[in-house]
PDB file of N, CA and C in Angstrom:
ATOM      1  N   MET A   1      13.136  -2.861   6.984  1.00  0.00           N
ATOM      2  CA  MET A   1      14.249  -2.648   7.464  1.00  0.00           C
ATOM      3  C   MET A   1      15.800  -3.495   7.284  1.00  0.00           C
ATOM      4  N   ARG A   2      14.757  -5.252   7.693  1.00  0.00           N
ATOM      5  CA  ARG A   2      14.958  -6.004   7.941  1.00  0.00           C
ATOM      6  C   ARG A   2      15.686  -6.528   6.804  1.00  0.00           C
ATOM      7  N   HIS A   3      15.144  -5.860   4.843  1.00  0.00           N
ATOM      8  CA  HIS A   3      15.116  -6.937   3.689  1.00  0.00           C
ATOM      9  C   HIS A   3      15.583  -6.007   3.221  1.00  0.00           C
ATOM     10  N   GLY A   4      15.206  -4.078   3.235  1.00  0.00           N
ATOM     11  CA  GLY A   4      16.870  -3.557   3.087  1.00  0.00           C
ATOM     12  C   GLY A   4      17.421  -2.762   3.702  1.00  0.00           C
ATOM     13  N   ALA A   5      17.218  -1.731   2.526  1.00  0.00           N
ATOM     14  CA  ALA A   5      19.524  -1.036   3.389  1.00  0.00           C
ATOM     15  C   ALA A   5      18.282   0.453   4.316  1.00  0.00           C
ATOM     16  N   ALA A   6      18.835   1.494   4.661  1.00  0.00           N
ATOM     17  CA  ALA A   6      18.206   3.026   5.549  1.00  0.00           C
ATOM     18  C   ALA A   6      19.292   3.538   4.050  1.00  0.00           C
ATOM     19  N   PRO A   7      18.590   4.509   3.245  1.00  0.00           N
ATOM     20  CA  PRO A   7      17.474   5.076   4.562  1.00  0.00           C
ATOM     21  C   PRO A   7      16.135   4.657   3.601  1.00  0.00           C
ATOM     22  N   VAL A   8      15.060   4.619   4.827  1.00  0.00           N
ATOM     23  CA  VAL A   8      13.545   4.294   4.425  1.00  0.00           C
ATOM     24  C   VAL A   8      12.776   5.671   4.529  1.00  0.00           C
ATOM     25  N   THR A   9      12.437   5.474   2.819  1.00  0.00           N
ATOM     26  CA  THR A   9      11.600   6.985   2.713  1.00  0.00           C
ATOM     27  C   THR A   9       9.491   6.500   2.627  1.00  0.00           C
ATOM     28  N   VAL A  10       8.910   6.757   3.169  1.00  0.00           N
ATOM     29  CA  VAL A  10       7.972   7.354   3.424  1.00  0.00           C
ATOM     30  C   VAL A  10       7.083   8.759   2.321  1.00  0.00           C
ATOM     31  N   GLU A  11       6.384   8.352   1.070  1.00  0.00           N
ATOM     32  CA  GLU A  11       5.360   9.856   0.672  1.00  0.00           C
ATOM     33  C   GLU A  11       4.131   8.460   0.482  1.00  0.00           C
ATOM     34  N   ILE A  12       2.991  10.146   0.886  1.00  0.00           N
ATOM     35  CA  ILE A  12       1.702   9.777   0.455  1.00  0.00           C
ATOM     36  C   ILE A  12       0.665  10.791   0.540  1.00  0.00           C
ATOM     37  N   GLU A  13       0.209  10.854  -0.663  1.00  0.00           N
ATOM     38  CA  GLU A  13      -0.212  11.468  -1.529  1.00  0.00           C
ATOM     39  C   GLU A  13      -1.376  11.679  -2.623  1.00  0.00           C
ATOM     40  N   ARG A  14      -2.886  11.678  -1.902  1.00  0.00           N
ATOM     41  CA  ARG A  14      -4.113  11.598  -1.829  1.00  0.00           C
ATOM     42  C   ARG A  14      -4.841   9.837  -2.411  1.00  0.00           C
ATOM     43  N   GLY A  15      -4.457   9.559  -1.129  1.00  0.00           N
ATOM     44  CA  GLY A  15      -4.820   7.875  -1.381  1.00  0.00           C
ATOM     45  C   GLY A  15      -3.952   7.325  -1.800  1.00  0.00           C
ATOM     46  N   ILE A  16      -2.661   7.053  -2.159  1.00  0.00           N
ATOM     47  CA  ILE A  16      -1.729   7.172  -2.179  1.00  0.00           C
ATOM     48  C   ILE A  16      -0.189   7.028  -0.813  1.00  0.00           C
ATOM     49  N   LEU A  17       0.124   5.142  -1.200  1.00  0.00           N
ATOM     50  CA  LEU A  17       1.292   5.604  -0.090  1.00  0.00           C
ATOM     51  C   LEU A  17       2.400   4.760  -0.563  1.00  0.00           C
ATOM     52  N   ARG A  18       3.702   5.470  -0.966  1.00  0.00           N
ATOM     53  CA  ARG A  18       4.232   4.419  -1.674  1.00  0.00           C
ATOM     54  C   ARG A  18       6.068   4.675  -0.125  1.00  0.00           C
ATOM     55  N   VAL A  19       6.467   3.298  -0.578  1.00  0.00           N
ATOM     56  CA  VAL A  19       7.718   3.097   0.867  1.00  0.00           C
ATOM     57  C   VAL A  19       9.506   2.959  -0.477  1.00  0.00           C
ATOM     58  N   ARG A  20      10.131   3.118  -0.038  1.00  0.00           N
ATOM     59  CA  ARG A  20      10.684   3.632  -0.621  1.00  0.00           C
ATOM     60  C   ARG A  20      11.825   2.668  -0.104  1.00  0.00           C
ATOM     61  N   ASP A  21      13.401   1.819   0.121  1.00  0.00           N
ATOM     62  CA  ASP A  21      14.114   1.662   0.634  1.00  0.00           C
ATOM     63  C   ASP A  21      15.443   2.202  -0.622  1.00  0.00           C
ATOM     64  N   SER A  22      16.864   1.389   0.434  1.00  0.00           N
ATOM     65  CA  SER A  22      17.822   2.064  -0.451  1.00  0.00           C
ATOM     66  C   SER A  22      18.914   0.365  -0.894  1.00  0.00           C
ATOM     67  N   GLY A  23      17.843  -0.155  -0.145  1.00  0.00           N
ATOM     68  CA  GLY A  23      18.760  -2.393  -0.714  1.00  0.00           C
ATOM     69  C   GLY A  23      18.566  -2.673  -1.147  1.00  0.00           C
ATOM     70  N   PRO A  24      19.357  -3.749  -1.854  1.00  0.00           N
ATOM     71  CA  PRO A  24      18.985  -4.469  -3.149  1.00  0.00           C
ATOM     72  C   PRO A  24      18.104  -4.705  -4.307  1.00  0.00           C
ATOM     73  N   GLY A  25      16.815  -4.333  -3.862  1.00  0.00           N
ATOM     74  CA  GLY A  25      15.324  -4.940  -5.342  1.00  0.00           C
ATOM     75  C   GLY A  25      15.350  -5.582  -4.724  1.00  0.00           C
ATOM     76  N   PHE A  26      13.789  -6.347  -5.069  1.00  0.00           N
ATOM     77  CA  PHE A  26      13.434  -6.905  -5.235  1.00  0.00           C
ATOM     78  C   PHE A  26      13.840  -7.899  -6.070  1.00  0.00           C
ATOM     79  N   PRO A  27      13.449  -9.409  -5.926  1.00  0.00           N
ATOM     80  CA  PRO A  27      13.989 -10.512  -6.886  1.00  0.00           C
ATOM     81  C   PRO A  27      13.223 -10.444  -8.167  1.00  0.00           C
ATOM     82  N   GLU A  28      13.702  -9.798  -9.408  1.00  0.00           N
ATOM     83  CA  GLU A  28      13.168 -10.010 -10.898  1.00  0.00           C
ATOM     84  C   GLU A  28      11.281 -10.077 -11.338  1.00  0.00           C
ATOM     85  N   ALA A  29      11.773 -11.487 -10.744  1.00  0.00           N
ATOM     86  CA  ALA A  29       9.236 -12.497 -10.955  1.00  0.00           C
ATOM     87  C   ALA A  29       8.396 -11.491  -9.843  1.00  0.00           C
ATOM     88  N   LEU A  30       9.467 -10.884  -8.350  1.00  0.00           N
ATOM     89  CA  LEU A  30       8.291  -9.624  -8.048  1.00  0.00           C
ATOM     90  C   LEU A  30       7.593  -9.325  -8.648  1.00  0.00           C
ATOM     91  N   PRO A  31       8.696  -7.458  -9.012  1.00  0.00           N
ATOM     92  CA  PRO A  31       7.916  -6.668 -10.240  1.00  0.00           C
ATOM     93  C   PRO A  31       6.913  -7.584 -11.843  1.00  0.00           C
ATOM     94  N   ALA A  32       7.454  -8.286 -11.621  1.00  0.00           N
ATOM     95  CA  ALA A  32       7.106  -9.091 -12.983  1.00  0.00           C
ATOM     96  C   ALA A  32       5.790  -9.367 -12.995  1.00  0.00           C
ATOM     97  N   HIS A  33       5.852 -10.310 -12.304  1.00  0.00           N
ATOM     98  CA  HIS A  33       4.501 -11.224 -11.956  1.00  0.00           C
ATOM     99  C   HIS A  33       3.854 -10.615 -10.696  1.00  0.00           C
ATOM    100  N   GLY A  34       4.408  -9.679  -9.931  1.00  0.00           N
ATOM    101  CA  GLY A  34       3.887 -10.583  -8.754  1.00  0.00           C
ATOM    102  C   GLY A  34       3.980 -10.946  -7.272  1.00  0.00           C
ATOM    103  N   PRO A  35       3.365 -11.272  -6.251  1.00  0.00           N
ATOM    104  CA  PRO A  35       4.207 -12.185  -5.168  1.00  0.00           C
ATOM    105  C   PRO A  35       3.010 -13.130  -5.432  1.00  0.00           C
ATOM    106  N   GLN A  36       3.387 -14.541  -5.155  1.00  0.00           N
ATOM    107  CA  GLN A  36       3.125 -15.672  -5.006  1.00  0.00           C
ATOM    108  C   GLN A  36       3.544 -16.681  -3.857  1.00  0.00           C
ATOM    109  N   ARG A  37       3.053 -17.391  -3.625  1.00  0.00           N
ATOM    110  CA  ARG A  37       3.372 -17.663  -1.638  1.00  0.00           C
ATOM    111  C   ARG A  37       4.713 -18.723  -1.728  1.00  0.00           C
ATOM    112  N   PHE A  38       5.713 -18.626  -1.209  1.00  0.00           N
ATOM    113  CA  PHE A  38       5.955 -19.522  -0.803  1.00  0.00           C
ATOM    114  C   PHE A  38       7.504 -19.854  -1.950  1.00  0.00           C
ATOM    115  N   ARG A  39       6.692 -18.523  -2.791  1.00  0.00           N
ATOM    116  CA  ARG A  39       8.236 -17.710  -3.719  1.00  0.00           C
ATOM    117  C   ARG A  39       9.357 -17.866  -3.478  1.00  0.00           C
ATOM    118  N   THR A  40      11.093 -18.679  -4.315  1.00  0.00           N
ATOM    119  CA  THR A  40      11.997 -18.628  -3.590  1.00  0.00           C
ATOM    120  C   THR A  40      12.521 -16.930  -4.505  1.00  0.00           C
ATOM    121  N   GLY A  41      13.744 -16.428  -4.420  1.00  0.00           N
ATOM    122  CA  GLY A  41      14.167 -15.457  -4.371  1.00  0.00           C
ATOM    123  C   GLY A  41      15.071 -15.641  -5.776  1.00  0.00           C
ATOM    124  N   GLY A  42      15.150 -17.497  -6.278  1.00  0.00           N
ATOM    125  CA  GLY A  42      15.576 -17.019  -7.480  1.00  0.00           C
ATOM    126  C   GLY A  42      16.691 -17.660  -7.148  1.00  0.00           C
ATOM    127  N   GLY A  43      17.913 -17.376  -6.482  1.00  0.00           N
ATOM    128  CA  GLY A  43      18.690 -17.324  -5.687  1.00  0.00           C
ATOM    129  C   GLY A  43      19.342 -18.529  -4.886  1.00  0.00           C
ATOM    130  N   SER A  44      20.512 -18.744  -5.100  1.00  0.00           N
ATOM    131  CA  SER A  44      21.332 -19.916  -4.178  1.00  0.00           C
ATOM    132  C   SER A  44      21.139 -20.123  -2.950  1.00  0.00           C
ATOM    133  N   ASP A  45      20.413 -19.123  -2.547  1.00  0.00           N
ATOM    134  CA  ASP A  45      20.648 -18.871  -0.785  1.00  0.00           C
ATOM    135  C   ASP A  45      19.225 -19.695  -0.064  1.00  0.00           C
ATOM    136  N   GLY A  46      18.059 -20.202  -1.014  1.00  0.00           N
ATOM    137  CA  GLY A  46      17.070 -20.179  -0.163  1.00  0.00           C
ATOM    138  C   GLY A  46      16.971 -19.627   0.188  1.00  0.00           C
ATOM    139  N   GLN A  47      16.438 -17.837  -0.042  1.00  0.00           N
ATOM    140  CA  GLN A  47      15.446 -16.762   0.677  1.00  0.00           C
ATOM    141  C   GLN A  47      14.610 -16.587  -0.131  1.00  0.00           C
ATOM    142  N   GLY A  48      13.377 -17.013   0.689  1.00  0.00           N
ATOM    143  CA  GLY A  48      11.985 -16.704   0.058  1.00  0.00           C
ATOM    144  C   GLY A  48      10.812 -15.826   0.661  1.00  0.00           C
ATOM    145  N   LEU A  49      10.679 -15.526  -0.204  1.00  0.00           N
ATOM    146  CA  LEU A  49       9.632 -14.198   0.223  1.00  0.00           C
ATOM    147  C   LEU A  49       8.630 -14.591   0.559  1.00  0.00           C
ATOM    148  N   GLY A  50       8.221 -16.031   1.246  1.00  0.00           N
ATOM    149  CA  GLY A  50       7.013 -16.048   1.497  1.00  0.00           C
ATOM    150  C   GLY A  50       5.977 -16.197   2.164  1.00  0.00           C
ATOM    151  N   LEU A  51       5.398 -15.856   3.304  1.00  0.00           N
ATOM    152  CA  LEU A  51       3.623 -14.847   2.959  1.00  0.00           C
ATOM    153  C   LEU A  51       3.476 -13.232   3.361  1.00  0.00           C
ATOM    154  N   GLY A  52       4.039 -12.996   3.189  1.00  0.00           N
ATOM    155  CA  GLY A  52       3.496 -11.226   3.614  1.00  0.00           C
ATOM    156  C   GLY A  52       3.813 -10.183   2.545  1.00  0.00           C
ATOM    157  N   LEU A  53       3.720 -10.301   1.941  1.00  0.00           N
ATOM    158  CA  LEU A  53       3.836  -9.349   0.018  1.00  0.00           C
ATOM    159  C   LEU A  53       2.630 -10.533  -0.720  1.00  0.00           C
ATOM    160  N   THR A  54       2.133 -11.898   0.121  1.00  0.00           N
ATOM    161  CA  THR A  54       0.920 -12.099  -1.027  1.00  0.00           C
ATOM    162  C   THR A  54       0.096 -11.682   0.169  1.00  0.00           C
ATOM    163  N   ILE A  55      -0.254 -12.329   1.225  1.00  0.00           N
ATOM    164  CA  ILE A  55      -1.150 -10.802   2.713  1.00  0.00           C
ATOM    165  C   ILE A  55      -1.500  -9.744   2.555  1.00  0.00           C
ATOM    166  N   ALA A  56      -0.296  -9.231   1.694  1.00  0.00           N
ATOM    167  CA  ALA A  56      -0.620  -7.549   2.663  1.00  0.00           C
ATOM    168  C   ALA A  56      -1.527  -7.612   0.945  1.00  0.00           C
ATOM    169  N   SER A  57      -0.836  -7.762  -0.801  1.00  0.00           N
ATOM    170  CA  SER A  57      -1.610  -8.257  -1.699  1.00  0.00           C
ATOM    171  C   SER A  57      -2.706  -7.581  -2.122  1.00  0.00           C
ATOM    172  N   GLY A  58      -3.290  -8.952  -0.478  1.00  0.00           N
ATOM    173  CA  GLY A  58      -4.762  -9.394  -1.624  1.00  0.00           C
ATOM    174  C   GLY A  58      -5.278  -8.374   0.028  1.00  0.00           C
ATOM    175  N   GLN A  59      -4.885  -8.060   1.055  1.00  0.00           N
ATOM    176  CA  GLN A  59      -5.847  -7.227   2.061  1.00  0.00           C
ATOM    177  C   GLN A  59      -5.676  -5.195   0.691  1.00  0.00           C
ATOM    178  N   ALA A  60      -4.422  -5.303   0.443  1.00  0.00           N
ATOM    179  CA  ALA A  60      -5.098  -4.398  -0.727  1.00  0.00           C
ATOM    180  C   ALA A  60      -6.139  -3.632  -1.539  1.00  0.00           C
ATOM    181  N   ARG A  61      -5.710  -5.681  -2.352  1.00  0.00           N
ATOM    182  CA  ARG A  61      -7.441  -5.677  -3.291  1.00  0.00           C
ATOM    183  C   ARG A  61      -9.347  -5.518  -2.021  1.00  0.00           C
ATOM    184  N   VAL A  62      -8.669  -5.776  -0.703  1.00  0.00           N
ATOM    185  CA  VAL A  62     -10.742  -6.117  -0.401  1.00  0.00           C
ATOM    186  C   VAL A  62     -11.124  -5.169   0.415  1.00  0.00           C
ATOM    187  N   LEU A  63      -9.951  -3.555   0.398  1.00  0.00           N
ATOM    188  CA  LEU A  63      -9.754  -2.329   0.096  1.00  0.00           C
ATOM    189  C   LEU A  63      -9.913  -1.852  -0.540  1.00  0.00           C
ATOM    190  N   GLY A  64     -10.564  -2.026  -2.474  1.00  0.00           N
ATOM    191  CA  GLY A  64     -10.572  -1.968  -3.523  1.00  0.00           C
ATOM    192  C   GLY A  64      -9.280  -0.840  -3.849  1.00  0.00           C
ATOM    193  N   GLY A  65      -7.740  -1.626  -3.630  1.00  0.00           N
ATOM    194  CA  GLY A  65      -6.795  -0.629  -4.194  1.00  0.00           C
ATOM    195  C   GLY A  65      -5.968  -1.796  -4.442  1.00  0.00           C
ATOM    196  N   ARG A  66      -3.891  -1.835  -4.704  1.00  0.00           N
ATOM    197  CA  ARG A  66      -3.469  -2.398  -5.501  1.00  0.00           C
ATOM    198  C   ARG A  66      -2.430  -2.549  -4.770  1.00  0.00           C
ATOM    199  N   LEU A  67      -1.070  -3.113  -4.937  1.00  0.00           N
ATOM    200  CA  LEU A  67      -0.522  -3.505  -4.723  1.00  0.00           C
ATOM    201  C   LEU A  67       0.170  -3.639  -5.243  1.00  0.00           C
ATOM    202  N   THR A  68       1.655  -2.769  -5.623  1.00  0.00           N
ATOM    203  CA  THR A  68       2.814  -3.108  -6.794  1.00  0.00           C
ATOM    204  C   THR A  68       4.490  -2.898  -6.175  1.00  0.00           C
ATOM    205  N   PHE A  69       5.167  -3.597  -7.043  1.00  0.00           N
ATOM    206  CA  PHE A  69       6.392  -3.043  -6.718  1.00  0.00           C
ATOM    207  C   PHE A  69       7.466  -2.894  -7.490  1.00  0.00           C
ATOM    208  N   ALA A  70       7.802  -2.379  -7.408  1.00  0.00           N
ATOM    209  CA  ALA A  70       9.249  -2.440  -8.201  1.00  0.00           C
ATOM    210  C   ALA A  70      10.499  -2.781  -7.610  1.00  0.00           C
ATOM    211  N   ASN A  71      11.696  -2.500  -8.669  1.00  0.00           N
ATOM    212  CA  ASN A  71      12.537  -1.614  -8.522  1.00  0.00           C
ATOM    213  C   ASN A  71      12.944  -0.713  -9.493  1.00  0.00           C
ATOM    214  N   PRO A  72      13.135   0.332  -8.717  1.00  0.00           N
ATOM    215  CA  PRO A  72      12.872   2.208  -9.687  1.00  0.00           C
ATOM    216  C   PRO A  72      14.640   1.663 -10.106  1.00  0.00           C
ATOM    217  N   GLU A  73      15.302   2.530 -10.976  1.00  0.00           N
ATOM    218  CA  GLU A  73      16.422   3.188 -11.698  1.00  0.00           C
ATOM    219  C   GLU A  73      17.432   3.898  -9.988  1.00  0.00           C
ATOM    220  N   GLY A  74      19.018   3.117 -10.125  1.00  0.00           N
ATOM    221  CA  GLY A  74      19.238   3.843  -8.554  1.00  0.00           C
ATOM    222  C   GLY A  74      19.344   3.561  -7.221  1.00  0.00           C
ATOM    223  N   GLY A  75      18.526   2.101  -7.303  1.00  0.00           N
ATOM    224  CA  GLY A  75      18.208   0.938  -6.726  1.00  0.00           C
ATOM    225  C   GLY A  75      17.964   1.003  -5.625  1.00  0.00           C
ATOM    226  N   GLY A  76      17.776  -0.339  -4.960  1.00  0.00           N
ATOM    227  CA  GLY A  76      16.924  -0.076  -4.035  1.00  0.00           C
ATOM    228  C   GLY A  76      15.648  -0.261  -4.839  1.00  0.00           C
ATOM    229  N   ALA A  77      13.984  -0.359  -3.562  1.00  0.00           N
ATOM    230  CA  ALA A  77      13.511  -1.265  -3.642  1.00  0.00           C
ATOM    231  C   ALA A  77      12.108  -0.574  -3.314  1.00  0.00           C
ATOM    232  N   GLU A  78      10.503  -0.172  -3.855  1.00  0.00           N
ATOM    233  CA  GLU A  78       9.613   0.477  -3.770  1.00  0.00           C
ATOM    234  C   GLU A  78       7.976  -0.416  -4.071  1.00  0.00           C
ATOM    235  N   ALA A  79       7.590  -0.411  -2.431  1.00  0.00           N
ATOM    236  CA  ALA A  79       6.412  -0.523  -2.353  1.00  0.00           C
ATOM    237  C   ALA A  79       5.316   0.303  -2.868  1.00  0.00           C
ATOM    238  N   THR A  80       3.662  -0.403  -3.752  1.00  0.00           N
ATOM    239  CA  THR A  80       3.025   1.177  -3.956  1.00  0.00           C
ATOM    240  C   THR A  80       1.218   0.362  -3.724  1.00  0.00           C
ATOM    241  N   LEU A  81       0.481   1.229  -2.511  1.00  0.00           N
ATOM    242  CA  LEU A  81      -0.402   1.603  -2.399  1.00  0.00           C
ATOM    243  C   LEU A  81      -0.947   2.454  -2.797  1.00  0.00           C
ATOM    244  N   ASP A  82      -1.946   2.306  -3.618  1.00  0.00           N
ATOM    245  CA  ASP A  82      -3.227   2.544  -4.000  1.00  0.00           C
ATOM    246  C   ASP A  82      -3.799   2.230  -3.871  1.00  0.00           C
ATOM    247  N   LEU A  83      -4.376   3.269  -2.756  1.00  0.00           N
ATOM    248  CA  LEU A  83      -6.656   3.272  -2.925  1.00  0.00           C
ATOM    249  C   LEU A  83      -7.508   4.335  -3.457  1.00  0.00           C
ATOM    250  N   SER A  84      -6.511   4.842  -3.828  1.00  0.00           N
ATOM    251  CA  SER A  84      -7.476   6.811  -4.436  1.00  0.00           C
ATOM    252  C   SER A  84      -8.349   5.933  -5.260  1.00  0.00           C
ATOM    253  N   HIS A  85      -8.992   4.930  -6.178  1.00  0.00           N
ATOM    254  CA  HIS A  85      -9.805   5.232  -6.544  1.00  0.00           C
ATOM    255  C   HIS A  85     -11.118   4.183  -5.214  1.00  0.00           C
ATOM    256  N   SER A  86     -10.926   3.854  -4.805  1.00  0.00           N
ATOM    257  CA  SER A  86     -11.510   3.445  -3.871  1.00  0.00           C
ATOM    258  C   SER A  86     -11.760   3.928  -2.204  1.00  0.00           C
ATOM    259  N   LEU A  87     -10.763   5.385  -2.806  1.00  0.00           N
ATOM    260  CA  LEU A  87     -11.554   6.376  -1.928  1.00  0.00           C
ATOM    261  C   LEU A  87     -12.275   7.129  -2.135  1.00  0.00           C
ATOM    262  N   ALA A  88     -12.031   7.323  -3.723  1.00  0.00           N
ATOM    263  CA  ALA A  88     -12.891   7.899  -5.027  1.00  0.00           C
ATOM    264  C   ALA A  88     -14.861   7.601  -4.532  1.00  0.00           C
ATOM    265  N   ASP A  89     -14.989   6.164  -4.800  1.00  0.00           N
ATOM    266  CA  ASP A  89     -16.339   5.772  -4.105  1.00  0.00           C
ATOM    267  C   ASP A  89     -16.771   5.328  -3.313  1.00  0.00           C
ATOM    268  N   ARG A  90     -16.005   6.191  -2.038  1.00  0.00           N
ATOM    269  CA  ARG A  90     -16.974   6.208  -0.888  1.00  0.00           C
ATOM    270  C   ARG A  90     -18.074   7.532  -0.879  1.00  0.00           C
ATOM    271  N   PRO A  91     -19.307   7.933   0.169  1.00  0.00           N
ATOM    272  CA  PRO A  91     -20.062   8.559   0.031  1.00  0.00           C
ATOM    273  C   PRO A  91     -18.808   9.450   0.457  1.00  0.00           C
ATOM    274  N   ALA A  92     -19.514  10.999   0.567  1.00  0.00           N
ATOM    275  CA  ALA A  92     -19.132  12.341   1.813  1.00  0.00           C
ATOM    276  C   ALA A  92     -20.002  11.925   2.497  1.00  0.00           C
ATOM    277  N   SER A  93     -20.703  11.496   2.670  1.00  0.00           N
ATOM    278  CA  SER A  93     -20.973  11.678   4.285  1.00  0.00           C
ATOM    279  C   SER A  93     -21.980  10.191   5.089  1.00  0.00           C
ATOM    280  N   GLY A  94     -21.662  10.420   6.396  1.00  0.00           N
ATOM    281  CA  GLY A  94     -22.318   9.398   6.889  1.00  0.00           C
ATOM    282  C   GLY A  94     -21.022   8.249   7.157  1.00  0.00           C
ATOM    283  N   GLY A  95     -19.835   9.189   6.575  1.00  0.00           N
ATOM    284  CA  GLY A  95     -18.441   7.916   7.632  1.00  0.00           C
ATOM    285  C   GLY A  95     -18.426   8.766   9.259  1.00  0.00           C
ATOM    286  N   ALA A  96     -17.035   7.924   9.806  1.00  0.00           N
ATOM    287  CA  ALA A  96     -16.920   8.976  11.089  1.00  0.00           C
ATOM    288  C   ALA A  96     -15.714   9.699  10.608  1.00  0.00           C
ATOM    289  N   SER A  97     -15.648  10.998  11.654  1.00  0.00           N
ATOM    290  CA  SER A  97     -14.287  11.719  11.894  1.00  0.00           C
ATOM    291  C   SER A  97     -13.088  11.387  12.002  1.00  0.00           C
ATOM    292  N   PRO A  98     -12.689  11.890  11.968  1.00  0.00           N
ATOM    293  CA  PRO A  98     -11.093  11.201  12.223  1.00  0.00           C
ATOM    294  C   PRO A  98     -11.076  11.339  13.895  1.00  0.00           C
ATOM    295  N   GLU A  99     -11.836  11.843  14.828  1.00  0.00           N
ATOM    296  CA  GLU A  99     -12.047  11.239  16.106  1.00  0.00           C
ATOM    297  C   GLU A  99     -13.028  10.124  16.140  1.00  0.00           C
ATOM    298  N   GLY A 100     -13.677  10.193  15.004  1.00  0.00           N
ATOM    299  CA  GLY A 100     -14.069   8.747  15.917  1.00  0.00           C
ATOM    300  C   GLY A 100     -15.341   8.265  15.712  1.00  0.00           C
ATOM    301  N   THR A 101     -16.087   9.733  15.934  1.00  0.00           N
ATOM    302  CA  THR A 101     -17.890   9.735  15.789  1.00  0.00           C
ATOM    303  C   THR A 101     -18.499   9.929  15.101  1.00  0.00           C
ATOM    304  N   PRO A 102     -19.089   9.766  14.224  1.00  0.00           N
ATOM    305  CA  PRO A 102     -19.865  10.043  12.822  1.00  0.00           C
ATOM    306  C   PRO A 102     -20.084  11.606  12.535  1.00  0.00           C
ATOM    307  N   SER A 103     -19.666  11.735  11.256  1.00  0.00           N
ATOM    308  CA  SER A 103     -19.853  13.050  11.000  1.00  0.00           C
ATOM    309  C   SER A 103     -20.775  12.161   9.775  1.00  0.00           C
ATOM    310  N   THR A 104     -21.574  14.412   9.990  1.00  0.00           N
ATOM    311  CA  THR A 104     -22.775  14.184   8.772  1.00  0.00           C
ATOM    312  C   THR A 104     -22.761  15.888   8.183  1.00  0.00           C
ATOM    313  N   THR A 105     -23.558  15.306   7.627  1.00  0.00           N
ATOM    314  CA  THR A 105     -24.097  17.252   5.786  1.00  0.00           C
ATOM    315  C   THR A 105     -25.108  16.925   5.698  1.00  0.00           C
ATOM    316  N   SER A 106     -25.460  18.127   5.770  1.00  0.00           N
ATOM    317  CA  SER A 106     -26.415  18.860   6.000  1.00  0.00           C
ATOM    318  C   SER A 106     -27.313  18.766   4.131  1.00  0.00           C
ATOM    319  N   SER A 107     -27.449  18.512   3.912  1.00  0.00           N
ATOM    320  CA  SER A 107     -28.288  18.823   2.389  1.00  0.00           C
ATOM    321  C   SER A 107     -27.815  20.602   1.450  1.00  0.00           C
ATOM    322  N   ASP A 108     -27.823  21.283   2.128  1.00  0.00           N
ATOM    323  CA  ASP A 108     -26.397  21.719   1.636  1.00  0.00           C
ATOM    324  C   ASP A 108     -24.948  21.414   1.465  1.00  0.00           C
ATOM    325  N   GLY A 109     -24.512  21.052   1.611  1.00  0.00           N
ATOM    326  CA  GLY A 109     -23.150  20.080   1.549  1.00  0.00           C
ATOM    327  C   GLY A 109     -21.954  20.131   2.583  1.00  0.00           C
ATOM    328  N   THR A 110     -22.899  21.459   3.883  1.00  0.00           N
ATOM    329  CA  THR A 110     -22.567  22.090   5.545  1.00  0.00           C
ATOM    330  C   THR A 110     -21.793  21.146   6.277  1.00  0.00           C
ATOM    331  N   PRO A 111     -21.272  21.200   7.440  1.00  0.00           N
ATOM    332  CA  PRO A 111     -20.753  19.134   8.083  1.00  0.00           C
ATOM    333  C   PRO A 111     -21.991  20.264   9.017  1.00  0.00           C
ATOM    334  N   SER A 112     -22.491  19.465   9.925  1.00  0.00           N
ATOM    335  CA  SER A 112     -23.315  18.823  10.973  1.00  0.00           C
ATOM    336  C   SER A 112     -23.054  18.325  11.500  1.00  0.00           C
ATOM    337  N   ASP A 113     -23.875  19.229  12.961  1.00  0.00           N
ATOM    338  CA  ASP A 113     -23.389  18.625  15.035  1.00  0.00           C
ATOM    339  C   ASP A 113     -25.119  17.808  15.086  1.00  0.00           C
ATOM    340  N   ARG A 114     -24.449  16.114  15.515  1.00  0.00           N
ATOM    341  CA  ARG A 114     -25.696  15.825  16.602  1.00  0.00           C
ATOM    342  C   ARG A 114     -25.688  16.581  17.457  1.00  0.00           C
ATOM    343  N   SER A 115     -24.187  16.256  18.508  1.00  0.00           N
ATOM    344  CA  SER A 115     -24.696  16.830  19.680  1.00  0.00           C
ATOM    345  C   SER A 115     -25.753  17.326  19.815  1.00  0.00           C
TER     346      SER A 115
END
């Protein structure tokens, strides 16, 4: 909200998180070249991009995903975190359930309870 404008929309579907605002959009260099530490927005206002987007991109890579930036037609800025490939590569069993307890599956693929 600090750098964009309302409304802000968030969409989540199958390992893809998309955030879009209605502000002025990203500086043209960002969608074209990705975030770079301390790179300015290109204007004479001295507004920089800082480290936040660079750190977020690095974290996406650590998770096996990709963070991209766009200026959609009609204005605004859009950031898309794609974790769909990293989620597809995870094993189906041995993970944690939403409650934080380990979940397992039996040899026939049905959930089993260890308790």
